Amino acid sequence: MKKLLVISLLTSLALPVFAQQAGFTGPGSEGQQQGGFNGPHKTFTVAQSKTLQDDAKVTLQGKITKKISHEHYEFMDSTGTVVVEIDDHKWMGQSVSPNDTVRLEGEVDKDANKIDIDVKKVTLVK
């Protein structure tokens, strides 16, 4: 009986974590930060990232300007735009609008005719 009580208690405490729904809140959308290293790192521009090899690790800083399709967004900095792919769970409870500056950590994904960034972490810059 005590085990059932403990399991019930732990489950009820965990539910709010799973209930968090957030993500991009700008054009094209229907309206999550996990811990990690916050020290110095090299930030690339959109233009620089487009010259890198497939699977190169990148950090970009700029704005997500619009939602293109499910998990695909337009990202912009002072050097241009690139499509970024952000899986729903990568938002980690954060809501982001086109007015917000974000830091995206991910890798370059190059195919025959397209370049995009597969985002592994989204951080809202304050």
Protein backbone atom coordinates (compact mmCIF):
# COMPACT_ATOMS: atom_id res chain seq x y z
CA MET A 1 0.00 0.00 0.00
CA LYS A 2 2.85 2.40 0.82
CA LYS A 3 4.45 1.73 -2.57
CA LEU A 4 1.20 2.63 -4.34
CA LEU A 5 0.95 5.85 -2.33
CA VAL A 6 4.55 6.82 -3.16
CA ILE A 7 4.06 6.06 -6.87
CA SER A 8 0.84 8.11 -6.93
CA LEU A 9 2.54 11.03 -5.22
CA LEU A 10 5.53 10.99 -7.60
CA THR A 11 3.27 10.74 -10.64
CA SER A 12 1.17 13.71 -9.55
CA LEU A 13 4.30 15.80 -9.00
CA ALA A 14 5.65 14.94 -12.47
CA LEU A 15 2.46 15.73 -14.41
CA PRO A 16 2.97 19.52 -14.57
CA VAL A 17 6.35 18.94 -16.25
CA PHE A 18 4.76 16.86 -18.99
CA ALA A 19 1.88 19.31 -19.41
CA GLN A 20 4.12 22.18 -20.53
CA GLN A 21 3.23 23.17 -24.07
CA ALA A 22 5.30 25.92 -25.62
CA GLY A 23 7.19 26.85 -28.73
CA PHE A 24 7.18 29.49 -31.43
CA THR A 25 4.26 31.92 -31.17
CA GLY A 26 4.67 34.00 -34.35
CA PRO A 27 3.32 33.87 -37.92
CA GLY A 28 2.24 30.44 -39.12
CA SER A 29 2.01 28.90 -35.67
CA GLU A 30 -0.89 27.77 -33.58
CA GLY A 31 0.12 29.01 -30.58
CA GLN A 32 11.72 24.47 -23.13
CA GLN A 33 15.11 25.23 -21.50
CA GLN A 34 16.94 22.30 -20.02
CA GLY A 35 20.13 22.75 -18.05
CA GLY A 36 23.46 22.86 -19.80
CA PHE A 37 26.70 24.75 -20.27
CA ASN A 38 26.25 28.53 -20.33
CA GLY A 39 29.86 29.61 -20.85
CA PRO A 40 31.68 31.11 -23.83
CA HIS A 41 31.16 29.47 -27.21
CA LYS A 42 31.72 30.38 -30.86
CA THR A 43 28.66 31.79 -32.55
CA PHE A 44 28.36 31.50 -36.31
CA THR A 45 26.33 33.75 -38.60
CA VAL A 46 23.76 32.36 -41.02
CA ALA A 47 26.11 33.17 -43.91
CA GLN A 48 29.01 31.33 -42.24
CA SER A 49 26.88 28.31 -41.40
CA LYS A 50 25.92 27.91 -45.07
CA THR A 51 29.62 27.43 -45.97
CA LEU A 52 30.27 24.68 -43.41
CA GLN A 53 30.30 20.93 -44.02
CA ASP A 54 27.31 18.68 -43.45
CA ASP A 55 26.93 17.79 -39.75
CA ALA A 56 29.15 20.71 -38.60
CA LYS A 57 28.21 21.89 -35.10
CA VAL A 58 26.93 25.48 -35.01
CA THR A 59 25.54 28.03 -32.60
CA LEU A 60 23.45 30.82 -34.13
CA GLN A 61 21.97 33.90 -32.52
CA GLY A 62 19.10 35.85 -34.03
CA LYS A 63 15.32 35.66 -34.41
CA ILE A 64 12.86 33.02 -35.53
CA THR A 65 10.69 35.05 -37.90
CA LYS A 66 7.99 32.58 -38.95
CA LYS A 67 6.80 29.00 -38.95
CA ILE A 68 7.09 27.34 -42.35
CA SER A 69 5.66 23.90 -41.53
CA HIS A 70 5.51 21.46 -38.64
CA GLU A 71 8.90 21.76 -36.86
CA HIS A 72 10.39 23.99 -39.63
CA TYR A 73 10.96 27.71 -39.08
CA GLU A 74 12.68 30.64 -40.76
CA PHE A 75 15.62 31.94 -38.72
CA MET A 76 17.24 35.31 -39.42
CA ASP A 77 20.32 37.21 -38.35
CA SER A 78 22.04 40.24 -39.86
CA THR A 79 23.63 38.09 -42.61
CA GLY A 80 20.56 36.31 -43.96
CA THR A 81 17.99 33.59 -43.36
CA VAL A 82 18.08 29.81 -43.07
CA VAL A 83 15.48 27.14 -42.38
CA VAL A 84 15.83 25.55 -38.96
CA GLU A 85 14.23 22.30 -37.83
CA ILE A 86 13.19 22.31 -34.18
CA ASP A 87 11.54 19.16 -32.85
CA ASP A 88 8.58 19.94 -30.59
CA HIS A 89 10.32 18.66 -27.44
CA LYS A 90 13.36 20.92 -28.02
CA TRP A 91 11.37 24.02 -26.98
CA MET A 92 11.51 22.77 -23.36
CA GLY A 93 8.55 24.87 -22.22
CA GLN A 94 9.78 28.14 -23.73
CA SER A 95 7.52 30.40 -25.80
CA VAL A 96 9.31 32.41 -28.48
CA SER A 97 7.96 35.20 -30.69
CA PRO A 98 9.55 36.99 -33.69
CA ASN A 99 10.53 39.80 -31.28
CA ASP A 100 12.68 37.49 -29.14
CA THR A 101 16.37 36.83 -29.66
CA VAL A 102 17.30 33.16 -29.40
CA ARG A 103 20.47 31.11 -29.39
CA LEU A 104 20.17 27.90 -31.40
CA GLU A 105 22.65 25.06 -31.02
CA GLY A 106 22.60 22.36 -33.65
CA GLU A 107 24.23 21.04 -36.76
CA VAL A 108 24.26 21.86 -40.44
CA ASP A 109 22.14 19.55 -42.59
CA LYS A 110 23.15 19.74 -46.26
CA ASP A 111 21.33 17.90 -49.01
CA ALA A 112 21.71 18.25 -52.77
CA ASN A 113 19.76 21.51 -53.08
CA LYS A 114 19.12 22.72 -49.54
CA ILE A 115 20.83 23.71 -46.34
CA ASP A 116 19.09 23.82 -43.00
CA ILE A 117 20.02 23.59 -39.34
CA ASP A 118 18.89 20.66 -37.19
CA VAL A 119 18.45 22.35 -33.82
CA LYS A 120 19.38 20.44 -30.67
CA LYS A 121 18.84 23.24 -28.13
CA VAL A 122 16.86 26.50 -28.05
CA THR A 123 17.80 29.20 -25.53
CA LEU A 124 15.89 32.45 -25.11
CA VAL A 125 18.46 35.28 -24.84
CA LYS A 126 17.67 37.86 -22.19
